Amino acid sequence: MSEAMPGPGADRTADDGAGAEPGGGGTAAVDEPAPLGVPREPTGLPGVDALLERLGEADHLPADGHLAVYEDVHRGLRAELTSLDAHPAPAPRPHDPRS
């Protein structure tokens, strides 16, 4: 085999950093949380719009903080959808004395 291609069992962590731990002081910089830049268009439903704006809070959190925001928004959107399925009670009809 050539020197460019180490054989099986060769130690590859010495030069190429393949075995380095994330954030272990390598040359790659760790990026700070940043917004994705995805525009949110209003839906016309104030409750839904407020929940979608809440998703923007995840833009500034580390990845392990996203789950709480996503679950909260998901619960809120489910509640909004459930409220759309709820039918109002029929209005009471006046008594018809002929019946």
C-alpha atoms as a PDB file:
ATOM      1  CA  MET A   1       0.000   0.000   0.000  1.00  0.00           C
ATOM      2  CA  SER A   2       1.081   3.571  -0.519  1.00  0.00           C
ATOM      3  CA  GLU A   3       1.672   6.107   2.233  1.00  0.00           C
ATOM      4  CA  ALA A   4      -1.404   8.086   1.111  1.00  0.00           C
ATOM      5  CA  MET A   5      -3.697   5.178   1.934  1.00  0.00           C
ATOM      6  CA  PRO A   6      -3.015   3.719   5.386  1.00  0.00           C
ATOM      7  CA  GLY A   7      -3.820   0.093   5.802  1.00  0.00           C
ATOM      8  CA  PRO A   8      -6.435  -1.440   8.101  1.00  0.00           C
ATOM      9  CA  GLY A   9      -5.793  -0.781  11.759  1.00  0.00           C
ATOM     10  CA  ALA A  10      -3.620   2.262  11.074  1.00  0.00           C
ATOM     11  CA  ASP A  11      -3.985   5.157  13.513  1.00  0.00           C
ATOM     12  CA  ARG A  12      -5.865   7.812  11.562  1.00  0.00           C
ATOM     13  CA  THR A  13      -6.383  10.256  14.428  1.00  0.00           C
ATOM     14  CA  ALA A  14      -2.800  11.500  14.531  1.00  0.00           C
ATOM     15  CA  ASP A  15      -2.852  13.930  11.585  1.00  0.00           C
ATOM     16  CA  ASP A  16      -6.335  14.358  10.153  1.00  0.00           C
ATOM     17  CA  GLY A  17      -8.312  15.057  13.351  1.00  0.00           C
ATOM     18  CA  ALA A  18     -10.920  12.441  12.421  1.00  0.00           C
ATOM     19  CA  GLY A  19     -11.050  11.229  16.011  1.00  0.00           C
ATOM     20  CA  ALA A  20     -11.147  14.674  17.597  1.00  0.00           C
ATOM     21  CA  GLU A  21     -14.035  15.450  19.882  1.00  0.00           C
ATOM     22  CA  PRO A  22     -16.504  18.158  18.840  1.00  0.00           C
ATOM     23  CA  GLY A  23     -15.540  21.493  20.338  1.00  0.00           C
ATOM     24  CA  GLY A  24     -12.222  20.013  21.407  1.00  0.00           C
ATOM     25  CA  GLY A  25     -10.150  23.013  20.329  1.00  0.00           C
ATOM     26  CA  GLY A  26      -9.778  22.065  16.674  1.00  0.00           C
ATOM     27  CA  THR A  27      -9.483  24.633  13.920  1.00  0.00           C
ATOM     28  CA  ALA A  28     -13.220  24.677  13.140  1.00  0.00           C
ATOM     29  CA  ALA A  29     -15.104  27.464  14.923  1.00  0.00           C
ATOM     30  CA  VAL A  30     -18.293  26.624  16.793  1.00  0.00           C
ATOM     31  CA  ASP A  31     -21.176  28.613  15.349  1.00  0.00           C
ATOM     32  CA  GLU A  32     -23.486  30.535  17.642  1.00  0.00           C
ATOM     33  CA  PRO A  33     -27.236  29.933  17.277  1.00  0.00           C
ATOM     34  CA  ALA A  34     -28.537  32.060  14.416  1.00  0.00           C
ATOM     35  CA  PRO A  35     -31.931  32.554  12.759  1.00  0.00           C
ATOM     36  CA  LEU A  36     -32.573  30.498   9.646  1.00  0.00           C
ATOM     37  CA  GLY A  37     -34.132  33.472   7.899  1.00  0.00           C
ATOM     38  CA  VAL A  38     -37.385  31.696   7.061  1.00  0.00           C
ATOM     39  CA  PRO A  39     -40.122  34.314   6.685  1.00  0.00           C
ATOM     40  CA  ARG A  40     -43.376  33.739   8.541  1.00  0.00           C
ATOM     41  CA  GLU A  41     -46.453  34.889   6.679  1.00  0.00           C
ATOM     42  CA  PRO A  42     -49.573  35.854   8.660  1.00  0.00           C
ATOM     43  CA  THR A  43     -52.406  33.346   8.461  1.00  0.00           C
ATOM     44  CA  GLY A  44     -55.148  35.745   9.509  1.00  0.00           C
ATOM     45  CA  LEU A  45     -55.859  33.706  12.640  1.00  0.00           C
ATOM     46  CA  PRO A  46     -54.420  35.603  15.627  1.00  0.00           C
ATOM     47  CA  GLY A  47     -53.920  32.480  17.763  1.00  0.00           C
ATOM     48  CA  VAL A  48     -52.055  30.646  15.002  1.00  0.00           C
ATOM     49  CA  ASP A  49     -49.985  33.711  14.104  1.00  0.00           C
ATOM     50  CA  ALA A  50     -48.896  34.119  17.733  1.00  0.00           C
ATOM     51  CA  LEU A  51     -47.824  30.471  17.885  1.00  0.00           C
ATOM     52  CA  LEU A  52     -45.876  30.726  14.632  1.00  0.00           C
ATOM     53  CA  GLU A  53     -44.093  33.825  15.922  1.00  0.00           C
ATOM     54  CA  ARG A  54     -43.142  31.811  19.006  1.00  0.00           C
ATOM     55  CA  LEU A  55     -41.148  29.531  16.718  1.00  0.00           C
ATOM     56  CA  GLY A  56     -38.789  32.476  16.259  1.00  0.00           C
ATOM     57  CA  GLU A  57     -37.714  32.050  19.877  1.00  0.00           C
ATOM     58  CA  ALA A  58     -35.982  28.819  18.883  1.00  0.00           C
ATOM     59  CA  ASP A  59     -33.723  30.783  16.507  1.00  0.00           C
ATOM     60  CA  HIS A  60     -31.689  32.117  19.410  1.00  0.00           C
ATOM     61  CA  LEU A  61     -31.560  28.954  21.510  1.00  0.00           C
ATOM     62  CA  PRO A  62     -29.042  26.137  21.364  1.00  0.00           C
ATOM     63  CA  ALA A  63     -30.368  22.969  19.740  1.00  0.00           C
ATOM     64  CA  ASP A  64     -31.225  21.330  23.079  1.00  0.00           C
ATOM     65  CA  GLY A  65     -33.639  24.213  23.807  1.00  0.00           C
ATOM     66  CA  HIS A  66     -35.609  23.815  20.574  1.00  0.00           C
ATOM     67  CA  LEU A  67     -37.642  20.851  21.758  1.00  0.00           C
ATOM     68  CA  ALA A  68     -39.489  22.762  24.480  1.00  0.00           C
ATOM     69  CA  VAL A  69     -40.469  25.527  22.041  1.00  0.00           C
ATOM     70  CA  TYR A  70     -41.556  23.055  19.339  1.00  0.00           C
ATOM     71  CA  GLU A  71     -43.642  21.016  21.781  1.00  0.00           C
ATOM     72  CA  ASP A  72     -45.330  24.140  23.144  1.00  0.00           C
ATOM     73  CA  VAL A  73     -46.164  25.400  19.647  1.00  0.00           C
ATOM     74  CA  HIS A  74     -47.385  21.940  18.630  1.00  0.00           C
ATOM     75  CA  ARG A  75     -49.731  21.798  21.633  1.00  0.00           C
ATOM     76  CA  GLY A  76     -51.049  25.254  20.800  1.00  0.00           C
ATOM     77  CA  LEU A  77     -51.637  24.418  17.145  1.00  0.00           C
ATOM     78  CA  ARG A  78     -53.443  21.204  18.096  1.00  0.00           C
ATOM     79  CA  ALA A  79     -55.679  23.215  20.425  1.00  0.00           C
ATOM     80  CA  GLU A  80     -56.410  25.700  17.638  1.00  0.00           C
ATOM     81  CA  LEU A  81     -57.334  22.873  15.263  1.00  0.00           C
ATOM     82  CA  THR A  82     -59.498  21.211  17.887  1.00  0.00           C
ATOM     83  CA  SER A  83     -61.351  24.469  18.462  1.00  0.00           C
ATOM     84  CA  LEU A  84     -62.145  24.626  14.736  1.00  0.00           C
ATOM     85  CA  ASP A  85     -63.847  21.228  14.993  1.00  0.00           C
ATOM     86  CA  ALA A  86     -65.969  22.252  17.960  1.00  0.00           C
ATOM     87  CA  HIS A  87     -69.429  23.215  16.814  1.00  0.00           C
ATOM     88  CA  PRO A  88     -71.329  25.809  18.795  1.00  0.00           C
ATOM     89  CA  ALA A  89     -74.418  24.578  20.590  1.00  0.00           C
ATOM     90  CA  PRO A  90     -77.550  25.239  18.589  1.00  0.00           C
ATOM     91  CA  ALA A  91     -79.477  28.291  19.697  1.00  0.00           C
ATOM     92  CA  PRO A  92     -82.610  27.386  21.636  1.00  0.00           C
ATOM     93  CA  ARG A  93     -85.716  27.612  19.500  1.00  0.00           C
ATOM     94  CA  PRO A  94     -88.721  29.489  20.805  1.00  0.00           C
ATOM     95  CA  HIS A  95     -91.530  27.310  22.114  1.00  0.00           C
ATOM     96  CA  ASP A  96     -94.181  26.626  19.512  1.00  0.00           C
ATOM     97  CA  PRO A  97     -97.521  26.408  21.302  1.00  0.00           C
ATOM     98  CA  ARG A  98     -99.024  24.400  18.412  1.00  0.00           C
ATOM     99  CA  SER A  99     -96.941  21.330  19.133  1.00  0.00           C
END
